[in-house]
Amino acid sequence: MSTIEKLKQKLKGRPKTYDWNDLSRVLINLGYSENTSGKTSGSRIRFTHPTAPLIILHKPHPGNEMKLYVINSIVDTLEMEELL
């Protein structure tokens, strides 16, 4: 099993925390593009996909861990679109 497949399985398991960089890798692998809205976007990151809904996230700080409620929302969206 490849690293990206392991990251997808971990995400599907809805862990209490999930690393931002791993989430970004998974979304990009699923066809999303990471977009920042110019120089003043701050920590707001938009992930766009040709056919799936837009995902807008705040990059966590000062740490790098996504919280469970964010993970649940992302997994629900990806499963609804049959991407995960």
N, C-alpha and C. Protein backbone atom coordinates (compact mmCIF):
# COMPACT_ATOMS: atom_id res chain seq x y z
N MET A 1 0.85 -1.17 0.00
CA MET A 1 0.00 0.00 0.00
C MET A 1 0.90 1.24 0.00
N SER A 2 0.59 2.19 -0.88
CA SER A 2 1.42 3.39 -1.00
C SER A 2 1.16 4.33 0.19
N THR A 3 2.06 5.29 0.34
CA THR A 3 1.93 6.26 1.42
C THR A 3 0.63 7.04 1.31
N ILE A 4 0.27 7.45 0.12
CA ILE A 4 -0.95 8.24 -0.06
C ILE A 4 -2.18 7.40 0.28
N GLU A 5 -2.17 6.11 -0.03
CA GLU A 5 -3.28 5.23 0.32
C GLU A 5 -3.38 5.09 1.84
N LYS A 6 -2.25 5.00 2.51
CA LYS A 6 -2.25 4.93 3.97
C LYS A 6 -2.82 6.21 4.57
N LEU A 7 -2.47 7.36 3.99
CA LEU A 7 -3.00 8.63 4.47
C LEU A 7 -4.51 8.71 4.26
N LYS A 8 -5.00 8.19 3.13
CA LYS A 8 -6.44 8.18 2.87
C LYS A 8 -7.16 7.28 3.88
N GLN A 9 -6.59 6.11 4.16
CA GLN A 9 -7.21 5.20 5.13
C GLN A 9 -7.25 5.83 6.52
N LYS A 10 -6.18 6.50 6.89
CA LYS A 10 -6.14 7.18 8.19
C LYS A 10 -7.22 8.26 8.24
N LEU A 11 -7.38 9.03 7.17
CA LEU A 11 -8.39 10.08 7.12
C LEU A 11 -9.80 9.48 7.21
N LYS A 12 -10.04 8.38 6.51
CA LYS A 12 -11.35 7.72 6.55
C LYS A 12 -11.68 7.22 7.95
N GLY A 13 -10.66 6.93 8.74
CA GLY A 13 -10.85 6.48 10.11
C GLY A 13 -11.23 7.60 11.07
N ARG A 14 -11.26 8.84 10.55
CA ARG A 14 -11.64 10.03 11.33
C ARG A 14 -10.86 10.14 12.64
N PRO A 15 -9.52 10.28 12.52
CA PRO A 15 -8.70 10.42 13.73
C PRO A 15 -9.01 11.74 14.44
N LYS A 16 -8.68 11.81 15.72
CA LYS A 16 -8.95 13.03 16.49
C LYS A 16 -8.15 14.22 15.96
N THR A 17 -6.96 13.96 15.45
CA THR A 17 -6.17 15.01 14.81
C THR A 17 -5.57 14.43 13.54
N TYR A 18 -5.26 15.33 12.60
CA TYR A 18 -4.69 14.92 11.31
C TYR A 18 -3.77 16.04 10.86
N ASP A 19 -2.61 15.69 10.37
CA ASP A 19 -1.61 16.67 9.98
C ASP A 19 -2.05 17.46 8.74
N TRP A 20 -1.87 18.77 8.77
CA TRP A 20 -2.25 19.66 7.66
C TRP A 20 -1.57 19.25 6.36
N ASN A 21 -0.27 18.96 6.42
CA ASN A 21 0.48 18.60 5.21
C ASN A 21 -0.05 17.30 4.60
N ASP A 22 -0.42 16.35 5.46
CA ASP A 22 -0.98 15.08 4.96
C ASP A 22 -2.33 15.32 4.31
N LEU A 23 -3.16 16.17 4.92
CA LEU A 23 -4.46 16.49 4.34
C LEU A 23 -4.29 17.15 2.97
N SER A 24 -3.38 18.08 2.87
CA SER A 24 -3.12 18.75 1.61
C SER A 24 -2.68 17.75 0.54
N ARG A 25 -1.82 16.81 0.90
CA ARG A 25 -1.36 15.79 -0.05
C ARG A 25 -2.51 14.93 -0.54
N VAL A 26 -3.40 14.54 0.38
CA VAL A 26 -4.55 13.70 0.01
C VAL A 26 -5.47 14.46 -0.93
N LEU A 27 -5.80 15.71 -0.59
CA LEU A 27 -6.71 16.48 -1.43
C LEU A 27 -6.14 16.71 -2.82
N ILE A 28 -4.86 17.01 -2.91
CA ILE A 28 -4.21 17.21 -4.21
C ILE A 28 -4.23 15.90 -5.01
N ASN A 29 -4.00 14.77 -4.33
CA ASN A 29 -4.05 13.48 -5.00
C ASN A 29 -5.45 13.16 -5.52
N LEU A 30 -6.48 13.69 -4.86
CA LEU A 30 -7.87 13.45 -5.29
C LEU A 30 -8.32 14.42 -6.37
N GLY A 31 -7.42 15.29 -6.83
CA GLY A 31 -7.75 16.18 -7.94
C GLY A 31 -8.00 17.62 -7.55
N TYR A 32 -7.85 17.94 -6.27
CA TYR A 32 -8.02 19.31 -5.82
C TYR A 32 -6.76 20.12 -6.10
N SER A 33 -6.93 21.43 -6.24
CA SER A 33 -5.82 22.36 -6.37
C SER A 33 -5.85 23.29 -5.17
N GLU A 34 -4.69 23.54 -4.59
CA GLU A 34 -4.60 24.43 -3.44
C GLU A 34 -4.43 25.86 -3.94
N ASN A 35 -5.31 26.75 -3.49
CA ASN A 35 -5.27 28.14 -3.92
C ASN A 35 -5.29 29.06 -2.71
N THR A 36 -4.43 30.05 -2.71
CA THR A 36 -4.51 31.11 -1.72
C THR A 36 -5.03 32.33 -2.44
N SER A 37 -5.73 33.17 -1.74
CA SER A 37 -6.38 34.33 -2.36
C SER A 37 -5.50 35.57 -2.29
N GLY A 38 -4.38 35.53 -2.94
CA GLY A 38 -3.51 36.69 -2.97
C GLY A 38 -2.60 36.80 -1.76
N LYS A 39 -1.91 37.91 -1.66
CA LYS A 39 -0.93 38.11 -0.60
C LYS A 39 -1.55 38.26 0.78
N THR A 40 -2.80 38.68 0.84
CA THR A 40 -3.42 38.93 2.13
C THR A 40 -4.40 37.84 2.55
N SER A 41 -4.27 36.65 2.01
CA SER A 41 -5.21 35.58 2.32
C SER A 41 -5.03 35.05 3.74
N GLY A 42 -3.89 35.28 4.33
CA GLY A 42 -3.64 34.80 5.68
C GLY A 42 -3.62 33.29 5.72
N SER A 43 -4.33 32.72 6.68
CA SER A 43 -4.30 31.27 6.83
C SER A 43 -5.47 30.60 6.11
N ARG A 44 -6.23 31.33 5.37
CA ARG A 44 -7.38 30.75 4.65
C ARG A 44 -6.90 30.14 3.33
N ILE A 45 -7.16 28.85 3.18
CA ILE A 45 -6.73 28.12 1.99
C ILE A 45 -7.97 27.54 1.31
N ARG A 46 -8.03 27.70 -0.01
CA ARG A 46 -9.14 27.16 -0.80
C ARG A 46 -8.62 25.98 -1.61
N PHE A 47 -9.37 24.91 -1.57
CA PHE A 47 -9.08 23.75 -2.40
C PHE A 47 -10.19 23.64 -3.43
N THR A 48 -9.83 23.75 -4.70
CA THR A 48 -10.81 23.68 -5.76
C THR A 48 -10.66 22.38 -6.55
N HIS A 49 -11.79 21.90 -7.05
CA HIS A 49 -11.84 20.66 -7.82
C HIS A 49 -12.72 20.92 -9.04
N PRO A 50 -12.42 20.31 -10.17
CA PRO A 50 -13.23 20.54 -11.37
C PRO A 50 -14.71 20.20 -11.21
N THR A 51 -15.03 19.17 -10.42
CA THR A 51 -16.42 18.75 -10.30
C THR A 51 -16.95 18.71 -8.86
N ALA A 52 -16.08 18.61 -7.89
CA ALA A 52 -16.50 18.49 -6.49
C ALA A 52 -16.63 19.87 -5.86
N PRO A 53 -17.33 19.95 -4.72
CA PRO A 53 -17.50 21.24 -4.04
C PRO A 53 -16.18 21.84 -3.57
N LEU A 54 -16.17 23.14 -3.48
CA LEU A 54 -15.03 23.90 -2.97
C LEU A 54 -14.84 23.57 -1.49
N ILE A 55 -13.60 23.42 -1.05
CA ILE A 55 -13.29 23.22 0.36
C ILE A 55 -12.44 24.41 0.80
N ILE A 56 -12.93 25.14 1.80
CA ILE A 56 -12.20 26.28 2.34
C ILE A 56 -11.82 25.94 3.77
N LEU A 57 -10.53 26.02 4.07
CA LEU A 57 -10.02 25.68 5.39
C LEU A 57 -9.12 26.79 5.92
N HIS A 58 -9.06 26.87 7.23
CA HIS A 58 -8.08 27.73 7.87
C HIS A 58 -6.90 26.86 8.24
N LYS A 59 -5.73 27.23 7.76
CA LYS A 59 -4.54 26.47 8.09
C LYS A 59 -4.30 26.60 9.59
N PRO A 60 -4.13 25.47 10.28
CA PRO A 60 -3.99 25.54 11.74
C PRO A 60 -2.69 26.23 12.15
N HIS A 61 -2.78 26.96 13.23
CA HIS A 61 -1.60 27.59 13.79
C HIS A 61 -1.84 27.81 15.26
N PRO A 62 -0.90 27.77 16.11
CA PRO A 62 0.53 27.63 15.81
C PRO A 62 0.93 26.20 15.47
N GLY A 63 0.09 25.23 15.76
CA GLY A 63 0.42 23.84 15.43
C GLY A 63 0.12 23.51 13.99
N ASN A 64 0.14 22.23 13.68
CA ASN A 64 -0.07 21.78 12.30
C ASN A 64 -1.14 20.70 12.24
N GLU A 65 -1.96 20.58 13.31
CA GLU A 65 -2.93 19.51 13.41
C GLU A 65 -4.35 20.01 13.16
N MET A 66 -5.07 19.31 12.28
CA MET A 66 -6.47 19.60 12.01
C MET A 66 -7.31 18.95 13.11
N LYS A 67 -8.37 19.61 13.51
CA LYS A 67 -9.25 19.10 14.57
C LYS A 67 -10.28 18.13 14.01
N LEU A 68 -10.89 17.34 14.91
CA LEU A 68 -11.83 16.30 14.52
C LEU A 68 -13.04 16.85 13.77
N TYR A 69 -13.59 17.99 14.20
CA TYR A 69 -14.79 18.51 13.52
C TYR A 69 -14.49 18.91 12.07
N VAL A 70 -13.27 19.37 11.81
CA VAL A 70 -12.87 19.71 10.44
C VAL A 70 -12.68 18.44 9.62
N ILE A 71 -12.06 17.46 10.22
CA ILE A 71 -11.84 16.17 9.55
C ILE A 71 -13.18 15.53 9.18
N ASN A 72 -14.12 15.56 10.13
CA ASN A 72 -15.46 14.98 9.86
C ASN A 72 -16.12 15.66 8.67
N SER A 73 -16.04 16.97 8.61
CA SER A 73 -16.64 17.72 7.51
C SER A 73 -16.01 17.37 6.18
N ILE A 74 -14.69 17.28 6.15
CA ILE A 74 -13.97 16.96 4.92
C ILE A 74 -14.29 15.54 4.46
N VAL A 75 -14.25 14.58 5.39
CA VAL A 75 -14.54 13.19 5.03
C VAL A 75 -15.97 13.07 4.52
N ASP A 76 -16.92 13.73 5.17
CA ASP A 76 -18.31 13.69 4.70
C ASP A 76 -18.43 14.21 3.28
N THR A 77 -17.77 15.33 2.99
CA THR A 77 -17.81 15.91 1.64
C THR A 77 -17.18 14.96 0.62
N LEU A 78 -16.02 14.42 0.94
CA LEU A 78 -15.33 13.53 0.00
C LEU A 78 -16.10 12.24 -0.24
N GLU A 79 -16.73 11.71 0.81
CA GLU A 79 -17.51 10.48 0.65
C GLU A 79 -18.79 10.76 -0.16
N MET A 80 -19.40 11.91 0.08
CA MET A 80 -20.60 12.27 -0.67
C MET A 80 -20.29 12.39 -2.17
N GLU A 81 -19.13 12.88 -2.50
CA GLU A 81 -18.71 13.01 -3.89
C GLU A 81 -18.04 11.75 -4.43
N GLU A 82 -18.00 10.71 -3.61
CA GLU A 82 -17.39 9.42 -3.97
C GLU A 82 -15.93 9.54 -4.38
N LEU A 83 -15.22 10.44 -3.70
CA LEU A 83 -13.80 10.61 -3.95
C LEU A 83 -12.96 9.83 -2.93
N LEU A 84 -13.58 9.46 -1.84
CA LEU A 84 -12.85 8.77 -0.76
C LEU A 84 -13.58 7.49 -0.41
